[in-house]
Amino acid sequence: MEQNRERMQDEPNKGQDDQKDKPSGLMEKIQQLGQTNVPQLSQDSNIHCLTIVGQIEGHMQLPPQNKTTKYEHVIPQLVAIEQNPKIEGLVVILNTVGGDVEAGLAISEMIASLSKPTVSVVLGGGHSIGVPIAVSCDFSYIASTATMTIHPVRLTGLVIGVPQTFEYLDKMQDRVVSFVTKHSNITEEDFKDLMFAKGNLTRDIGTNVVGDDAVEYGLIDGIGGIGTAIKKINELIDLRKQSDQQEGLVQ
């Protein structure tokens, strides 16, 4: 009996201790986000925001200290965006150093194949395989201070020193060049000149293109940020609605 009473007394105290240890909603926001009040996205918003940040992780898992975007997380999101009738447009925000070539190309191809309007914004940097992702959208913006590094495809780890290895690299590089030139206004000749330029990068071959230069080359469509991107995606959504209405009248 005495043991049962002690247990009954301990259980309420244990529940109180758990409540004390558990942080409040306000403290949790401060710990996770560094601020007390976080703006909430409207439930009836018709625009989805997809962020591509850090390093794009592909078939190999990167170290835990690396900030990564995992392609197995992004691809299901893109499928859901295509299937969800409430989502009418996609805004892609990039600040990435690049990463796995095949994973980046897979994301780029999926964004380009969406039937809904898409707009991309390069903030900070959209380097390496981030370039195809940036140009995969219907319209692309870049901040005036943002940069894009264009360089040849590289291999890490064990490399077999045979001609077939270099042929494989060349074919993979052609895939990147073909995609970028197809989805932007830059010519293949100009893009390859930027890719194989010498003297621009201290320890690599290639070119670091700043915002205004990216637009001048035809790589990116315009200078802008999140405000211009939201305005543009709303314009594209309205144009699509008008087009659908006209098709309905013709039928």
C-alpha atoms as a PDB file:
ATOM      1  CA  MET A   1       0.000   0.000   0.000  1.00  0.00           C
ATOM      2  CA  GLU A   2       2.769   2.407   0.962  1.00  0.00           C
ATOM      3  CA  GLN A   3       4.621   1.644  -2.295  1.00  0.00           C
ATOM      4  CA  ASN A   4       1.451   2.357  -4.318  1.00  0.00           C
ATOM      5  CA  ARG A   5       0.989   5.703  -2.516  1.00  0.00           C
ATOM      6  CA  GLU A   6       4.592   6.651  -3.257  1.00  0.00           C
ATOM      7  CA  ARG A   7       4.081   5.821  -6.958  1.00  0.00           C
ATOM      8  CA  MET A   8       0.872   7.859  -7.089  1.00  0.00           C
ATOM      9  CA  GLN A   9       2.690  10.811  -5.557  1.00  0.00           C
ATOM     10  CA  ASP A  10       5.646  10.439  -7.931  1.00  0.00           C
ATOM     11  CA  GLU A  11       3.516  10.282 -11.112  1.00  0.00           C
ATOM     12  CA  PRO A  12       1.977  13.802 -10.800  1.00  0.00           C
ATOM     13  CA  ASN A  13       5.399  15.196  -9.949  1.00  0.00           C
ATOM     14  CA  LYS A  14       6.847  13.472 -12.998  1.00  0.00           C
ATOM     15  CA  GLY A  15       4.203  15.048 -15.242  1.00  0.00           C
ATOM     16  CA  GLN A  16       4.953  18.471 -13.780  1.00  0.00           C
ATOM     17  CA  ASP A  17       8.677  17.971 -14.352  1.00  0.00           C
ATOM     18  CA  ASP A  18       8.046  17.003 -17.999  1.00  0.00           C
ATOM     19  CA  GLN A  19       6.002  20.171 -18.524  1.00  0.00           C
ATOM     20  CA  LYS A  20       8.790  22.246 -16.971  1.00  0.00           C
ATOM     21  CA  ASP A  21      11.431  20.619 -19.189  1.00  0.00           C
ATOM     22  CA  LYS A  22       9.349  21.036 -22.362  1.00  0.00           C
ATOM     23  CA  PRO A  23       9.956  24.499 -23.887  1.00  0.00           C
ATOM     24  CA  SER A  24       6.969  26.732 -24.491  1.00  0.00           C
ATOM     25  CA  GLY A  25       5.835  27.618 -28.008  1.00  0.00           C
ATOM     26  CA  LEU A  26       7.448  31.043 -27.701  1.00  0.00           C
ATOM     27  CA  MET A  27      10.783  29.636 -26.519  1.00  0.00           C
ATOM     28  CA  GLU A  28      10.725  27.008 -29.268  1.00  0.00           C
ATOM     29  CA  LYS A  29      10.326  29.698 -31.928  1.00  0.00           C
ATOM     30  CA  ILE A  30      13.262  31.623 -30.476  1.00  0.00           C
ATOM     31  CA  GLN A  31      15.428  28.487 -30.402  1.00  0.00           C
ATOM     32  CA  GLN A  32      14.538  27.347 -33.919  1.00  0.00           C
ATOM     33  CA  LEU A  33      14.106  30.625 -35.813  1.00  0.00           C
ATOM     34  CA  GLY A  34      15.729  33.312 -33.643  1.00  0.00           C
ATOM     35  CA  GLN A  35      12.581  35.401 -33.392  1.00  0.00           C
ATOM     36  CA  THR A  36       9.302  35.411 -31.500  1.00  0.00           C
ATOM     37  CA  ASN A  37       6.809  36.051 -34.294  1.00  0.00           C
ATOM     38  CA  VAL A  38       6.971  34.218 -37.620  1.00  0.00           C
ATOM     39  CA  PRO A  39       4.722  35.305 -40.518  1.00  0.00           C
ATOM     40  CA  GLN A  40       2.431  32.477 -41.584  1.00  0.00           C
ATOM     41  CA  LEU A  41       1.681  31.684 -45.224  1.00  0.00           C
ATOM     42  CA  SER A  42      -1.977  31.985 -46.104  1.00  0.00           C
ATOM     43  CA  GLN A  43      -3.722  28.629 -46.328  1.00  0.00           C
ATOM     44  CA  ASP A  44      -5.348  29.593 -49.629  1.00  0.00           C
ATOM     45  CA  SER A  45      -2.084  30.696 -51.303  1.00  0.00           C
ATOM     46  CA  ASN A  46      -1.842  29.478 -54.888  1.00  0.00           C
ATOM     47  CA  ILE A  47       1.970  29.845 -55.088  1.00  0.00           C
ATOM     48  CA  HIS A  48       4.460  27.298 -53.757  1.00  0.00           C
ATOM     49  CA  CYS A  49       7.999  28.335 -52.791  1.00  0.00           C
ATOM     50  CA  LEU A  50      10.809  25.818 -53.305  1.00  0.00           C
ATOM     51  CA  THR A  51      14.251  26.605 -51.861  1.00  0.00           C
ATOM     52  CA  ILE A  52      17.487  25.142 -53.241  1.00  0.00           C
ATOM     53  CA  VAL A  53      20.208  25.978 -50.713  1.00  0.00           C
ATOM     54  CA  GLY A  54      23.658  24.757 -49.741  1.00  0.00           C
ATOM     55  CA  GLN A  55      25.000  21.780 -51.659  1.00  0.00           C
ATOM     56  CA  ILE A  56      22.761  19.598 -53.830  1.00  0.00           C
ATOM     57  CA  GLU A  57      23.060  16.085 -52.451  1.00  0.00           C
ATOM     58  CA  GLY A  58      22.796  13.235 -54.916  1.00  0.00           C
ATOM     59  CA  HIS A  59      23.596   9.535 -54.742  1.00  0.00           C
ATOM     60  CA  MET A  60      26.312   9.993 -52.087  1.00  0.00           C
ATOM     61  CA  GLN A  61      25.436  11.247 -48.602  1.00  0.00           C
ATOM     62  CA  LEU A  62      27.390  14.357 -47.623  1.00  0.00           C
ATOM     63  CA  PRO A  63      28.944  14.998 -44.184  1.00  0.00           C
ATOM     64  CA  PRO A  64      26.493  16.183 -41.485  1.00  0.00           C
ATOM     65  CA  GLN A  65      28.117  19.623 -41.179  1.00  0.00           C
ATOM     66  CA  ASN A  66      27.252  20.424 -44.820  1.00  0.00           C
ATOM     67  CA  LYS A  67      24.111  22.430 -45.528  1.00  0.00           C
ATOM     68  CA  THR A  68      22.385  20.354 -48.230  1.00  0.00           C
ATOM     69  CA  THR A  69      19.323  20.100 -50.436  1.00  0.00           C
ATOM     70  CA  LYS A  70      18.480  16.429 -50.897  1.00  0.00           C
ATOM     71  CA  TYR A  71      17.079  15.578 -54.321  1.00  0.00           C
ATOM     72  CA  GLU A  72      14.949  12.772 -52.876  1.00  0.00           C
ATOM     73  CA  HIS A  73      13.117  15.490 -50.907  1.00  0.00           C
ATOM     74  CA  VAL A  74      12.722  17.883 -53.840  1.00  0.00           C
ATOM     75  CA  ILE A  75      11.422  15.423 -56.462  1.00  0.00           C
ATOM     76  CA  PRO A  76       8.317  14.323 -54.470  1.00  0.00           C
ATOM     77  CA  GLN A  77       7.537  18.007 -53.835  1.00  0.00           C
ATOM     78  CA  LEU A  78       7.581  18.709 -57.568  1.00  0.00           C
ATOM     79  CA  VAL A  79       5.276  15.749 -58.229  1.00  0.00           C
ATOM     80  CA  ALA A  80       2.877  17.038 -55.543  1.00  0.00           C
ATOM     81  CA  ILE A  81       2.985  20.560 -57.024  1.00  0.00           C
ATOM     82  CA  GLU A  82       2.016  19.202 -60.437  1.00  0.00           C
ATOM     83  CA  GLN A  83      -0.846  17.140 -59.003  1.00  0.00           C
ATOM     84  CA  ASN A  84      -2.251  19.717 -56.567  1.00  0.00           C
ATOM     85  CA  PRO A  85      -4.950  21.820 -58.324  1.00  0.00           C
ATOM     86  CA  LYS A  86      -4.743  24.529 -55.633  1.00  0.00           C
ATOM     87  CA  ILE A  87      -1.112  25.308 -56.544  1.00  0.00           C
ATOM     88  CA  GLU A  88      -1.065  27.451 -59.687  1.00  0.00           C
ATOM     89  CA  GLY A  89       2.563  28.573 -59.755  1.00  0.00           C
ATOM     90  CA  LEU A  90       6.046  27.780 -58.430  1.00  0.00           C
ATOM     91  CA  VAL A  91       8.781  30.151 -57.239  1.00  0.00           C
ATOM     92  CA  VAL A  92      12.263  28.596 -56.941  1.00  0.00           C
ATOM     93  CA  ILE A  93      14.760  30.418 -54.698  1.00  0.00           C
ATOM     94  CA  LEU A  94      18.403  29.471 -55.171  1.00  0.00           C
ATOM     95  CA  ASN A  95      21.457  30.082 -53.026  1.00  0.00           C
ATOM     96  CA  THR A  96      23.538  27.019 -53.816  1.00  0.00           C
ATOM     97  CA  VAL A  97      27.184  26.134 -54.413  1.00  0.00           C
ATOM     98  CA  GLY A  98      26.182  23.323 -56.792  1.00  0.00           C
ATOM     99  CA  GLY A  99      26.655  19.645 -56.152  1.00  0.00           C
ATOM    100  CA  ASP A 100      25.778  16.331 -57.795  1.00  0.00           C
ATOM    101  CA  VAL A 101      25.423  16.809 -61.565  1.00  0.00           C
ATOM    102  CA  GLU A 102      22.834  14.099 -62.216  1.00  0.00           C
ATOM    103  CA  ALA A 103      20.724  15.108 -59.202  1.00  0.00           C
ATOM    104  CA  GLY A 104      20.819  18.745 -60.322  1.00  0.00           C
ATOM    105  CA  LEU A 105      19.873  17.838 -63.876  1.00  0.00           C
ATOM    106  CA  ALA A 106      17.019  15.640 -62.598  1.00  0.00           C
ATOM    107  CA  ILE A 107      15.603  18.566 -60.605  1.00  0.00           C
ATOM    108  CA  SER A 108      16.090  20.898 -63.589  1.00  0.00           C
ATOM    109  CA  GLU A 109      14.289  18.551 -65.987  1.00  0.00           C
ATOM    110  CA  MET A 110      11.378  18.108 -63.585  1.00  0.00           C
ATOM    111  CA  ILE A 111      10.940  21.874 -63.091  1.00  0.00           C
ATOM    112  CA  ALA A 112      11.136  22.451 -66.859  1.00  0.00           C
ATOM    113  CA  SER A 113       8.487  19.773 -67.476  1.00  0.00           C
ATOM    114  CA  LEU A 114       5.917  21.238 -65.050  1.00  0.00           C
ATOM    115  CA  SER A 115       2.722  22.360 -66.743  1.00  0.00           C
ATOM    116  CA  LYS A 116       2.341  25.271 -64.279  1.00  0.00           C
ATOM    117  CA  PRO A 117       4.108  28.671 -64.461  1.00  0.00           C
ATOM    118  CA  THR A 118       7.528  28.793 -62.804  1.00  0.00           C
ATOM    119  CA  VAL A 119       9.875  31.634 -61.810  1.00  0.00           C
ATOM    120  CA  SER A 120      13.374  31.359 -60.314  1.00  0.00           C
ATOM    121  CA  VAL A 121      15.363  33.821 -58.211  1.00  0.00           C
ATOM    122  CA  VAL A 122      19.135  33.559 -57.673  1.00  0.00           C
ATOM    123  CA  LEU A 123      20.088  35.175 -54.354  1.00  0.00           C
ATOM    124  CA  GLY A 124      23.671  35.102 -53.160  1.00  0.00           C
ATOM    125  CA  GLY A 125      24.822  32.476 -55.628  1.00  0.00           C
ATOM    126  CA  GLY A 126      23.614  29.886 -58.095  1.00  0.00           C
ATOM    127  CA  HIS A 127      26.877  28.121 -58.893  1.00  0.00           C
ATOM    128  CA  SER A 128      27.837  25.072 -60.936  1.00  0.00           C
ATOM    129  CA  ILE A 129      24.834  22.728 -61.374  1.00  0.00           C
ATOM    130  CA  GLY A 130      22.688  25.492 -59.851  1.00  0.00           C
ATOM    131  CA  VAL A 131      22.870  27.213 -63.263  1.00  0.00           C
ATOM    132  CA  PRO A 132      20.615  24.643 -65.048  1.00  0.00           C
ATOM    133  CA  ILE A 133      18.127  24.797 -62.155  1.00  0.00           C
ATOM    134  CA  ALA A 134      17.998  28.597 -62.406  1.00  0.00           C
ATOM    135  CA  VAL A 135      17.304  28.588 -66.158  1.00  0.00           C
ATOM    136  CA  SER A 136      14.814  25.681 -66.016  1.00  0.00           C
ATOM    137  CA  CYS A 137      11.945  28.013 -65.047  1.00  0.00           C
ATOM    138  CA  ASP A 138       9.738  29.983 -67.418  1.00  0.00           C
ATOM    139  CA  PHE A 139      11.327  33.226 -66.226  1.00  0.00           C
ATOM    140  CA  SER A 140      14.500  33.765 -64.187  1.00  0.00           C
ATOM    141  CA  TYR A 141      15.738  36.602 -61.985  1.00  0.00           C
ATOM    142  CA  ILE A 142      19.064  37.263 -60.307  1.00  0.00           C
ATOM    143  CA  ALA A 143      19.962  39.792 -57.623  1.00  0.00           C
ATOM    144  CA  SER A 144      22.394  42.448 -58.814  1.00  0.00           C
ATOM    145  CA  THR A 145      24.984  41.272 -56.269  1.00  0.00           C
ATOM    146  CA  ALA A 146      24.442  37.524 -56.823  1.00  0.00           C
ATOM    147  CA  THR A 147      26.937  35.417 -58.783  1.00  0.00           C
ATOM    148  CA  MET A 148      26.925  32.274 -60.906  1.00  0.00           C
ATOM    149  CA  THR A 149      30.083  30.195 -61.367  1.00  0.00           C
ATOM    150  CA  ILE A 150      30.314  28.365 -64.689  1.00  0.00           C
ATOM    151  CA  HIS A 151      33.029  25.706 -64.894  1.00  0.00           C
ATOM    152  CA  PRO A 152      33.663  22.286 -66.487  1.00  0.00           C
ATOM    153  CA  VAL A 153      32.252  19.115 -64.929  1.00  0.00           C
ATOM    154  CA  ARG A 154      34.560  17.529 -62.349  1.00  0.00           C
ATOM    155  CA  LEU A 155      34.861  14.108 -60.718  1.00  0.00           C
ATOM    156  CA  THR A 156      35.699  13.416 -57.085  1.00  0.00           C
ATOM    157  CA  GLY A 157      37.022  10.220 -55.541  1.00  0.00           C
ATOM    158  CA  LEU A 158      38.624   7.377 -57.465  1.00  0.00           C
ATOM    159  CA  VAL A 159      39.168   8.219 -61.146  1.00  0.00           C
ATOM    160  CA  ILE A 160      40.348   5.591 -63.660  1.00  0.00           C
ATOM    161  CA  GLY A 161      42.920   7.145 -65.977  1.00  0.00           C
ATOM    162  CA  VAL A 162      41.593   5.809 -69.281  1.00  0.00           C
ATOM    163  CA  PRO A 163      40.170   7.581 -72.351  1.00  0.00           C
ATOM    164  CA  GLN A 164      36.652   6.326 -71.544  1.00  0.00           C
ATOM    165  CA  THR A 165      36.631   8.395 -68.340  1.00  0.00           C
ATOM    166  CA  PHE A 166      37.252  11.592 -70.257  1.00  0.00           C
ATOM    167  CA  GLU A 167      34.660  10.636 -72.870  1.00  0.00           C
ATOM    168  CA  TYR A 168      32.132  10.112 -70.078  1.00  0.00           C
ATOM    169  CA  LEU A 169      32.970  13.542 -68.618  1.00  0.00           C
ATOM    170  CA  ASP A 170      32.626  15.130 -72.053  1.00  0.00           C
ATOM    171  CA  LYS A 171      29.198  13.573 -72.612  1.00  0.00           C
ATOM    172  CA  MET A 172      27.982  14.659 -69.181  1.00  0.00           C
ATOM    173  CA  GLN A 173      29.237  18.162 -69.880  1.00  0.00           C
ATOM    174  CA  ASP A 174      27.365  18.211 -73.201  1.00  0.00           C
ATOM    175  CA  ARG A 175      24.154  17.373 -71.314  1.00  0.00           C
ATOM    176  CA  VAL A 176      24.608  20.410 -69.080  1.00  0.00           C
ATOM    177  CA  VAL A 177      25.502  22.714 -71.984  1.00  0.00           C
ATOM    178  CA  SER A 178      22.554  21.463 -74.039  1.00  0.00           C
ATOM    179  CA  PHE A 179      20.065  22.011 -71.228  1.00  0.00           C
ATOM    180  CA  VAL A 180      21.289  25.521 -70.379  1.00  0.00           C
ATOM    181  CA  THR A 181      21.343  26.740 -73.977  1.00  0.00           C
ATOM    182  CA  LYS A 182      17.905  25.229 -74.624  1.00  0.00           C
ATOM    183  CA  HIS A 183      16.272  26.958 -71.649  1.00  0.00           C
ATOM    184  CA  SER A 184      18.023  30.338 -71.810  1.00  0.00           C
ATOM    185  CA  ASN A 185      19.042  32.925 -74.394  1.00  0.00           C
ATOM    186  CA  ILE A 186      22.784  32.290 -74.224  1.00  0.00           C
ATOM    187  CA  THR A 187      24.434  30.661 -77.224  1.00  0.00           C
ATOM    188  CA  GLU A 188      26.387  27.427 -76.940  1.00  0.00           C
ATOM    189  CA  GLU A 189      29.560  29.180 -78.081  1.00  0.00           C
ATOM    190  CA  ASP A 190      29.295  31.920 -75.434  1.00  0.00           C
ATOM    191  CA  PHE A 191      28.468  29.425 -72.675  1.00  0.00           C
ATOM    192  CA  LYS A 192      31.465  27.245 -73.532  1.00  0.00           C
ATOM    193  CA  ASP A 193      33.715  30.312 -73.671  1.00  0.00           C
ATOM    194  CA  LEU A 194      32.643  31.139 -70.108  1.00  0.00           C
ATOM    195  CA  MET A 195      33.062  27.516 -69.042  1.00  0.00           C
ATOM    196  CA  PHE A 196      36.618  27.117 -70.353  1.00  0.00           C
ATOM    197  CA  ALA A 197      37.903  30.643 -69.677  1.00  0.00           C
ATOM    198  CA  LYS A 198      41.336  30.884 -68.047  1.00  0.00           C
ATOM    199  CA  GLY A 199      42.516  33.460 -65.547  1.00  0.00           C
ATOM    200  CA  ASN A 200      39.111  34.391 -64.122  1.00  0.00           C
ATOM    201  CA  LEU A 201      39.173  31.864 -61.266  1.00  0.00           C
ATOM    202  CA  THR A 202      42.291  31.508 -59.125  1.00  0.00           C
ATOM    203  CA  ARG A 203      42.259  27.696 -58.770  1.00  0.00           C
ATOM    204  CA  ASP A 204      39.918  26.583 -61.527  1.00  0.00           C
ATOM    205  CA  ILE A 205      38.901  26.998 -65.161  1.00  0.00           C
ATOM    206  CA  GLY A 206      35.704  28.927 -65.722  1.00  0.00           C
ATOM    207  CA  THR A 207      33.990  32.249 -65.058  1.00  0.00           C
ATOM    208  CA  ASN A 208      32.270  33.865 -62.096  1.00  0.00           C
ATOM    209  CA  VAL A 209      29.360  35.810 -63.622  1.00  0.00           C
ATOM    210  CA  VAL A 210      27.791  38.637 -61.574  1.00  0.00           C
ATOM    211  CA  GLY A 211      24.098  39.570 -61.792  1.00  0.00           C
ATOM    212  CA  ASP A 212      24.134  42.218 -64.549  1.00  0.00           C
ATOM    213  CA  ASP A 213      26.585  40.191 -66.640  1.00  0.00           C
ATOM    214  CA  ALA A 214      24.376  37.095 -66.382  1.00  0.00           C
ATOM    215  CA  VAL A 215      21.504  39.086 -67.888  1.00  0.00           C
ATOM    216  CA  GLU A 216      23.749  40.604 -70.555  1.00  0.00           C
ATOM    217  CA  TYR A 217      24.967  37.167 -71.648  1.00  0.00           C
ATOM    218  CA  GLY A 218      21.355  35.971 -71.907  1.00  0.00           C
ATOM    219  CA  LEU A 219      21.817  33.395 -69.165  1.00  0.00           C
ATOM    220  CA  ILE A 220      19.197  35.008 -66.877  1.00  0.00           C
ATOM    221  CA  ASP A 221      16.116  36.967 -67.979  1.00  0.00           C
ATOM    222  CA  GLY A 222      16.242  39.920 -65.596  1.00  0.00           C
ATOM    223  CA  ILE A 223      17.529  41.611 -62.445  1.00  0.00           C
ATOM    224  CA  GLY A 224      15.222  41.308 -59.451  1.00  0.00           C
ATOM    225  CA  GLY A 225      14.402  39.762 -56.122  1.00  0.00           C
ATOM    226  CA  ILE A 226      11.514  38.086 -54.369  1.00  0.00           C
ATOM    227  CA  GLY A 227       9.095  40.981 -54.942  1.00  0.00           C
ATOM    228  CA  THR A 228       9.601  41.003 -58.711  1.00  0.00           C
ATOM    229  CA  ALA A 229       9.429  37.204 -58.775  1.00  0.00           C
ATOM    230  CA  ILE A 230       6.053  37.112 -56.991  1.00  0.00           C
ATOM    231  CA  LYS A 231       4.737  39.829 -59.314  1.00  0.00           C
ATOM    232  CA  LYS A 232       5.940  37.885 -62.365  1.00  0.00           C
ATOM    233  CA  ILE A 233       4.489  34.548 -61.250  1.00  0.00           C
ATOM    234  CA  ASN A 234       1.102  36.218 -60.693  1.00  0.00           C
ATOM    235  CA  GLU A 235       1.287  37.672 -64.224  1.00  0.00           C
ATOM    236  CA  LEU A 236       2.084  34.239 -65.687  1.00  0.00           C
ATOM    237  CA  ILE A 237      -0.770  32.653 -63.700  1.00  0.00           C
ATOM    238  CA  ASP A 238      -3.214  35.288 -65.018  1.00  0.00           C
ATOM    239  CA  LEU A 239      -1.982  34.745 -68.587  1.00  0.00           C
ATOM    240  CA  ARG A 240      -2.496  31.008 -68.263  1.00  0.00           C
ATOM    241  CA  LYS A 241      -6.036  31.504 -66.920  1.00  0.00           C
ATOM    242  CA  GLN A 242      -6.854  33.793 -69.855  1.00  0.00           C
ATOM    243  CA  SER A 243      -5.414  31.239 -72.277  1.00  0.00           C
ATOM    244  CA  ASP A 244      -7.465  28.435 -70.708  1.00  0.00           C
ATOM    245  CA  GLN A 245     -10.621  30.553 -70.947  1.00  0.00           C
ATOM    246  CA  GLN A 246      -9.990  31.314 -74.620  1.00  0.00           C
ATOM    247  CA  GLU A 247      -9.433  27.623 -75.344  1.00  0.00           C
ATOM    248  CA  GLY A 248     -12.703  26.857 -73.584  1.00  0.00           C
ATOM    249  CA  LEU A 249     -14.575  29.396 -75.730  1.00  0.00           C
ATOM    250  CA  VAL A 250     -13.072  27.988 -78.935  1.00  0.00           C
ATOM    251  CA  GLN A 251     -14.097  24.462 -78.010  1.00  0.00           C
END
